[in-house]
Protein backbone atom coordinates (compact mmCIF):
# COMPACT_ATOMS: atom_id res chain seq x y z
CA UNK A 1 -17.35 -73.53 27.81
CA UNK A 2 -16.76 -77.27 27.39
CA UNK A 3 -14.54 -77.93 24.41
CA UNK A 4 -13.87 -81.28 22.76
CA UNK A 5 -10.72 -81.46 20.66
CA UNK A 6 -12.49 -83.51 17.95
CA UNK A 7 -15.29 -81.03 17.38
CA UNK A 8 -13.45 -77.83 18.23
CA UNK A 9 -13.79 -75.29 15.39
CA UNK A 10 -13.66 -71.56 16.07
CA UNK A 11 -13.85 -68.98 13.29
CA UNK A 12 -13.46 -65.23 13.38
CA UNK A 13 -16.98 -63.93 13.81
CA UNK A 14 -18.05 -66.77 16.12
CA UNK A 15 -17.53 -64.51 19.08
CA UNK A 16 -14.77 -64.05 21.59
CA UNK A 17 -11.54 -66.05 21.27
CA UNK A 18 -12.30 -69.26 23.23
CA UNK A 19 -9.22 -69.50 25.44
CA UNK A 20 -8.69 -67.70 28.75
CA UNK A 21 -5.52 -65.96 27.59
CA UNK A 22 -4.29 -64.58 24.28
CA UNK A 23 -1.99 -66.84 22.29
CA UNK A 24 0.91 -64.42 22.53
CA UNK A 25 1.46 -60.71 23.13
CA UNK A 26 3.94 -60.80 20.22
CA UNK A 27 1.15 -61.83 17.84
CA UNK A 28 -0.82 -58.81 19.05
CA UNK A 29 2.27 -56.62 18.65
CA UNK A 30 2.67 -57.51 14.95
CA UNK A 31 -1.08 -57.16 14.31
CA UNK A 32 -1.79 -60.85 13.73
CA UNK A 33 -5.51 -61.71 13.56
CA UNK A 34 -6.64 -65.26 14.21
CA UNK A 35 -9.28 -66.35 11.69
CA UNK A 36 -9.81 -70.05 12.36
CA UNK A 37 -8.77 -72.46 15.09
CA UNK A 38 -9.56 -76.17 14.79
CA UNK A 39 -7.87 -79.54 15.15
CA UNK A 40 -7.19 -79.58 11.40
CA UNK A 41 -6.25 -75.98 10.65
CA UNK A 42 -5.02 -72.87 12.42
CA UNK A 43 -5.35 -69.78 10.20
CA UNK A 44 -4.76 -66.07 10.47
CA UNK A 45 -3.30 -63.05 8.74
CA UNK A 46 -1.26 -59.91 9.28
CA UNK A 47 0.27 -57.07 7.31
CA UNK A 48 4.06 -56.79 7.30
CA UNK A 49 4.95 -53.58 9.14
CA UNK A 50 7.97 -52.00 10.80
CA UNK A 51 7.12 -54.18 13.82
CA UNK A 52 7.61 -57.42 11.86
CA UNK A 53 10.29 -56.31 9.38
CA UNK A 54 14.05 -56.45 9.50
CA UNK A 55 16.32 -53.49 8.66
CA UNK A 56 15.91 -53.90 4.88
CA UNK A 57 12.14 -53.44 4.96
CA UNK A 58 11.06 -57.05 4.48
CA UNK A 59 9.54 -59.64 6.81
CA UNK A 60 12.01 -60.78 9.48
CA UNK A 61 12.77 -64.51 9.31
CA UNK A 62 12.40 -64.80 13.08
CA UNK A 63 8.76 -63.73 12.77
CA UNK A 64 8.17 -66.57 10.28
CA UNK A 65 9.66 -69.09 12.71
CA UNK A 66 7.76 -67.55 15.63
CA UNK A 67 4.47 -67.89 13.72
CA UNK A 68 5.26 -71.54 12.95
CA UNK A 69 5.98 -72.28 16.60
CA UNK A 70 2.92 -70.39 17.86
CA UNK A 71 0.29 -71.69 15.42
CA UNK A 72 1.70 -75.22 15.23
CA UNK A 73 1.84 -75.45 19.03
CA UNK A 74 -1.76 -74.27 19.32
CA UNK A 75 -2.84 -76.95 16.86
CA UNK A 76 -0.82 -79.60 18.71
CA UNK A 77 -2.37 -78.44 22.00
CA UNK A 78 -5.88 -78.95 20.58
CA UNK A 79 -5.20 -82.32 18.93
CA UNK A 80 -3.50 -83.66 22.08
CA UNK A 81 -6.73 -83.20 24.02
CA UNK A 82 -5.72 -79.78 25.39
CA UNK A 83 -2.59 -81.18 27.03
CA UNK A 84 0.55 -79.01 27.28
CA UNK A 85 2.97 -79.31 24.37
CA UNK A 86 6.40 -77.92 23.56
CA UNK A 87 8.13 -77.40 20.26
CA UNK A 88 11.21 -79.60 19.88
CA UNK A 89 12.25 -78.52 16.39
CA UNK A 90 11.25 -75.80 13.97
CA UNK A 91 12.67 -75.22 10.50
CA UNK A 92 11.76 -72.48 8.08
CA UNK A 93 12.62 -71.93 4.42
CA UNK A 94 12.04 -68.54 2.83
CA UNK A 95 11.31 -68.41 -0.91
CA UNK A 96 10.71 -64.73 -1.57
CA UNK A 97 10.75 -61.48 0.39
CA UNK A 98 7.59 -59.98 1.86
CA UNK A 99 7.95 -56.18 1.87
CA UNK A 100 6.36 -53.80 4.35
CA UNK A 101 2.69 -53.39 3.45
CA UNK A 102 2.20 -56.93 2.11
CA UNK A 103 -0.69 -58.87 3.66
CA UNK A 104 0.28 -62.39 4.63
CA UNK A 105 -2.03 -65.37 5.20
CA UNK A 106 -0.70 -68.00 7.60
CA UNK A 107 -2.04 -71.54 7.71
CA UNK A 108 -0.88 -74.41 9.94
CA UNK A 109 -2.00 -77.98 9.20
CA UNK A 110 -1.01 -81.28 10.81
CA UNK A 111 1.25 -83.63 8.85
CA UNK A 112 1.53 -86.28 11.58
CA UNK A 113 -0.32 -86.72 14.87
CA UNK A 114 1.16 -89.41 17.08
CA UNK A 115 0.69 -90.24 20.74
CA UNK A 116 3.61 -88.01 21.84
CA UNK A 117 4.94 -86.25 18.74
CA UNK A 118 3.18 -84.13 16.16
CA UNK A 119 4.48 -82.48 13.01
CA UNK A 120 2.77 -79.36 11.67
CA UNK A 121 3.34 -77.60 8.35
CA UNK A 122 2.98 -73.81 8.39
CA UNK A 123 2.74 -71.76 5.19
CA UNK A 124 3.04 -68.00 4.84
CA UNK A 125 1.42 -66.95 1.57
CA UNK A 126 0.86 -63.52 0.08
CA UNK A 127 -2.85 -62.69 0.38
CA UNK A 128 -2.76 -61.39 -3.19
CA UNK A 129 -1.71 -64.78 -4.55
CA UNK A 130 -5.33 -65.88 -4.51
CA UNK A 131 -6.11 -63.15 -7.04
CA UNK A 132 -3.10 -64.16 -9.18
CA UNK A 133 -1.59 -60.65 -8.74
CA UNK A 134 1.90 -61.97 -8.08
CA UNK A 135 4.28 -62.93 -10.87
CA UNK A 136 5.27 -66.59 -10.88
CA UNK A 137 8.84 -67.13 -9.69
CA UNK A 138 11.04 -68.04 -12.67
CA UNK A 139 13.65 -69.67 -10.43
CA UNK A 140 11.30 -72.39 -9.19
CA UNK A 141 8.80 -74.24 -11.33
CA UNK A 142 7.39 -76.15 -8.35
CA UNK A 143 6.75 -73.42 -5.78
CA UNK A 144 3.25 -72.20 -5.08
CA UNK A 145 2.56 -68.72 -6.41
CA UNK A 146 2.76 -66.31 -3.51
CA UNK A 147 4.50 -68.74 -1.14
CA UNK A 148 6.67 -66.60 1.12
CA UNK A 149 7.87 -69.21 3.63
CA UNK A 150 7.30 -72.83 4.56
CA UNK A 151 7.94 -74.13 8.07
CA UNK A 152 7.78 -77.46 9.82
CA UNK A 153 7.24 -77.71 13.57
CA UNK A 154 7.74 -80.87 15.59
CA UNK A 155 5.96 -80.66 18.94
CA UNK A 156 5.95 -83.06 21.86
CA UNK A 157 3.13 -83.66 24.31
CA UNK A 158 4.42 -82.90 27.79
CA UNK A 159 3.93 -85.39 30.56
CA UNK A 160 1.37 -84.31 33.14
CA UNK A 161 3.97 -85.30 35.76
CA UNK A 162 6.34 -82.71 34.32
CA UNK A 163 3.99 -79.82 35.08
CA UNK A 164 3.29 -81.19 38.55
CA UNK A 165 7.03 -81.51 39.20
CA UNK A 166 7.68 -77.92 38.13
CA UNK A 167 4.91 -76.69 40.45
CA UNK A 168 6.33 -78.73 43.36
CA UNK A 169 9.86 -77.55 42.65
CA UNK A 170 8.76 -73.99 43.39
CA UNK A 171 7.54 -75.07 46.83
CA UNK A 172 10.66 -76.97 47.90
CA UNK A 173 13.16 -74.68 49.65
CA UNK A 174 16.78 -74.91 48.60
CA UNK A 175 19.14 -76.66 51.04
CA UNK A 176 21.91 -74.17 50.28
């Protein structure tokens, strides 16, 4: 399948996931389902379970950061012309807890796409927020209803020489 990064747009229901390998076994482990993959938006959802919760029965913050790194990196990979990328910084702010059983929608969108660096915003939002089932947070007049966490990922396009060097390094015997 020939894929152009400018026209790439896969949606759940379009058929099999278009890449040769799954994005991450951890995403499968927590039950994450990819819904849309394009150069402008990476979207999916999952239900908070014991596999994604911390000891107090709410979404583990590490899962939020992991989702930001995974979805933001996939978006950066697509927009860089399918060149390898690596996250160089990820930050996550949590605004309210997501208890076991809550369905979470995750959406990553680009904020900046440069030649080497990209910045992606990743939001985790309660799926019920679209039906206005969640009470508005009194502590914050500016937060989106249902916003669980907001992350920012900075990713860097890797040099093609870097991957070639790592492949060659495996072939060179140690002198020790």
